[in-house]
Amino acid sequence: MKKVVAVTACPTGVAHTYMAQEAIEKECGKRGYDVKVETQGSMGIENELEQEEINKADFVILAVAIGIEGEERFEEKENEGKIITVDPGEVIKHPVEVIDKAEKL
């Protein structure tokens, strides 16, 4: 089973952050993936990813429109070329395409 972790964040930290989370969880659920999405929104960081979860992930989706806290946690995955960074709006509108692209990393 593929393991996927993601972070969603938008400038206001409200609607798009959570809509992107939902889109990622829904599409990964359809594919039977183990998925965990950290949100960085107006409520601060919720559902925070542990370093171990990031390390074990097959790929990482950063659906972010702003700089995120704790970006250094993803350095190793970045070096492995296992991170896809998209605008939250992109994953909301086209979750299938985004996940397909991430799978090819």
Protein backbone atom coordinates (compact mmCIF):
# COMPACT_ATOMS: atom_id res chain seq x y z
CA MET A 1 0.00 0.00 0.00
CA LYS A 2 1.35 3.40 -0.95
CA LYS A 3 1.88 5.88 1.84
CA VAL A 4 1.21 9.53 1.07
CA VAL A 5 1.73 12.59 3.22
CA ALA A 6 0.71 16.11 2.33
CA VAL A 7 0.68 19.65 3.65
CA THR A 8 -1.99 22.14 2.62
CA ALA A 9 -1.75 25.87 3.25
CA CYS A 10 -3.23 28.98 1.65
CA PRO A 11 -2.68 32.67 2.40
CA THR A 12 -5.84 33.10 4.48
CA GLY A 13 -5.61 29.60 5.91
CA VAL A 14 -9.29 28.94 5.64
CA ALA A 15 -11.29 27.49 2.74
CA HIS A 16 -8.62 26.33 0.28
CA THR A 17 -6.46 24.75 2.98
CA TYR A 18 -9.27 22.42 4.01
CA MET A 19 -10.74 21.91 0.54
CA ALA A 20 -7.29 20.80 -0.69
CA GLN A 21 -6.99 18.45 2.30
CA GLU A 22 -10.35 16.92 1.48
CA ALA A 23 -9.51 16.52 -2.23
CA ILE A 24 -6.22 14.74 -1.45
CA GLU A 25 -7.79 12.46 1.17
CA LYS A 26 -10.70 11.58 -1.10
CA GLU A 27 -8.57 10.74 -4.16
CA CYS A 28 -6.00 8.79 -2.13
CA GLY A 29 -8.86 6.95 -0.42
CA LYS A 30 -10.26 5.89 -3.80
CA ARG A 31 -6.84 4.42 -4.63
CA GLY A 32 -6.57 2.61 -1.30
CA TYR A 33 -3.57 4.66 -0.17
CA ASP A 34 -2.59 5.34 3.40
CA VAL A 35 -2.78 9.15 3.57
CA LYS A 36 -2.20 11.84 6.18
CA VAL A 37 -2.65 15.54 5.50
CA GLU A 38 -1.23 18.27 7.71
CA THR A 39 -3.03 21.59 7.47
CA GLN A 40 -1.36 24.90 8.18
CA GLY A 41 -4.22 27.34 8.41
CA SER A 42 -5.77 30.04 10.53
CA MET A 43 -5.95 27.50 13.38
CA GLY A 44 -2.19 26.92 13.22
CA ILE A 45 -0.80 23.47 12.40
CA GLU A 46 -3.30 20.64 12.66
CA ASN A 47 -2.74 16.91 12.16
CA GLU A 48 1.02 17.54 12.30
CA LEU A 49 3.18 15.07 10.39
CA GLU A 50 5.83 13.20 12.34
CA GLN A 51 9.30 12.91 10.78
CA GLU A 52 8.89 9.12 10.67
CA GLU A 53 5.66 9.43 8.65
CA ILE A 54 7.40 11.71 6.16
CA ASN A 55 10.38 9.34 5.88
CA LYS A 56 8.13 6.34 5.18
CA ALA A 57 6.00 8.14 2.57
CA ASP A 58 6.23 7.06 -1.06
CA PHE A 59 5.70 10.67 -2.05
CA VAL A 60 4.82 14.05 -0.58
CA ILE A 61 2.25 16.54 -1.88
CA LEU A 62 2.73 20.15 -0.88
CA ALA A 63 -0.47 21.94 -1.84
CA VAL A 64 0.72 25.32 -0.65
CA ALA A 65 0.39 28.93 -1.76
CA ILE A 66 2.57 30.30 1.05
CA GLY A 67 5.77 29.34 2.85
CA ILE A 68 5.13 26.58 5.36
CA GLU A 69 6.45 25.93 8.84
CA GLY A 70 8.80 23.00 9.27
CA GLU A 71 9.85 22.84 5.64
CA GLU A 72 13.20 21.33 6.65
CA ARG A 73 11.35 18.10 7.56
CA PHE A 74 11.00 17.41 3.83
CA GLU A 75 14.64 17.90 2.78
CA GLU A 76 15.37 14.19 2.39
CA LYS A 77 12.26 13.61 0.22
CA GLU A 78 13.20 16.68 -1.83
CA ASN A 79 16.65 15.19 -2.45
CA GLU A 80 15.00 11.93 -3.55
CA GLY A 81 12.76 13.87 -5.97
CA LYS A 82 9.64 12.62 -4.17
CA ILE A 83 7.87 15.94 -3.64
CA ILE A 84 5.27 17.58 -5.84
CA THR A 85 4.39 21.19 -5.08
CA VAL A 86 1.11 22.56 -6.41
CA ASP A 87 -1.26 25.41 -5.72
CA PRO A 88 -4.11 24.37 -3.41
CA GLY A 89 -6.59 25.39 -6.12
CA GLU A 90 -4.95 22.95 -8.54
CA VAL A 91 -5.45 19.94 -6.27
CA ILE A 92 -9.04 21.03 -5.52
CA LYS A 93 -9.92 21.23 -9.22
CA HIS A 94 -7.76 18.37 -10.53
CA PRO A 95 -7.00 15.87 -7.74
CA VAL A 96 -6.73 12.90 -10.12
CA GLU A 97 -4.09 14.60 -12.28
CA VAL A 98 -2.10 15.81 -9.27
CA ILE A 99 -1.99 12.37 -7.65
CA ASP A 100 -1.15 10.75 -11.03
CA LYS A 101 1.76 13.18 -11.42
CA ALA A 102 2.94 12.51 -7.86
CA GLU A 103 2.89 8.74 -8.47
CA LYS A 104 5.32 9.14 -11.35
CA LEU A 105 7.98 10.80 -9.18
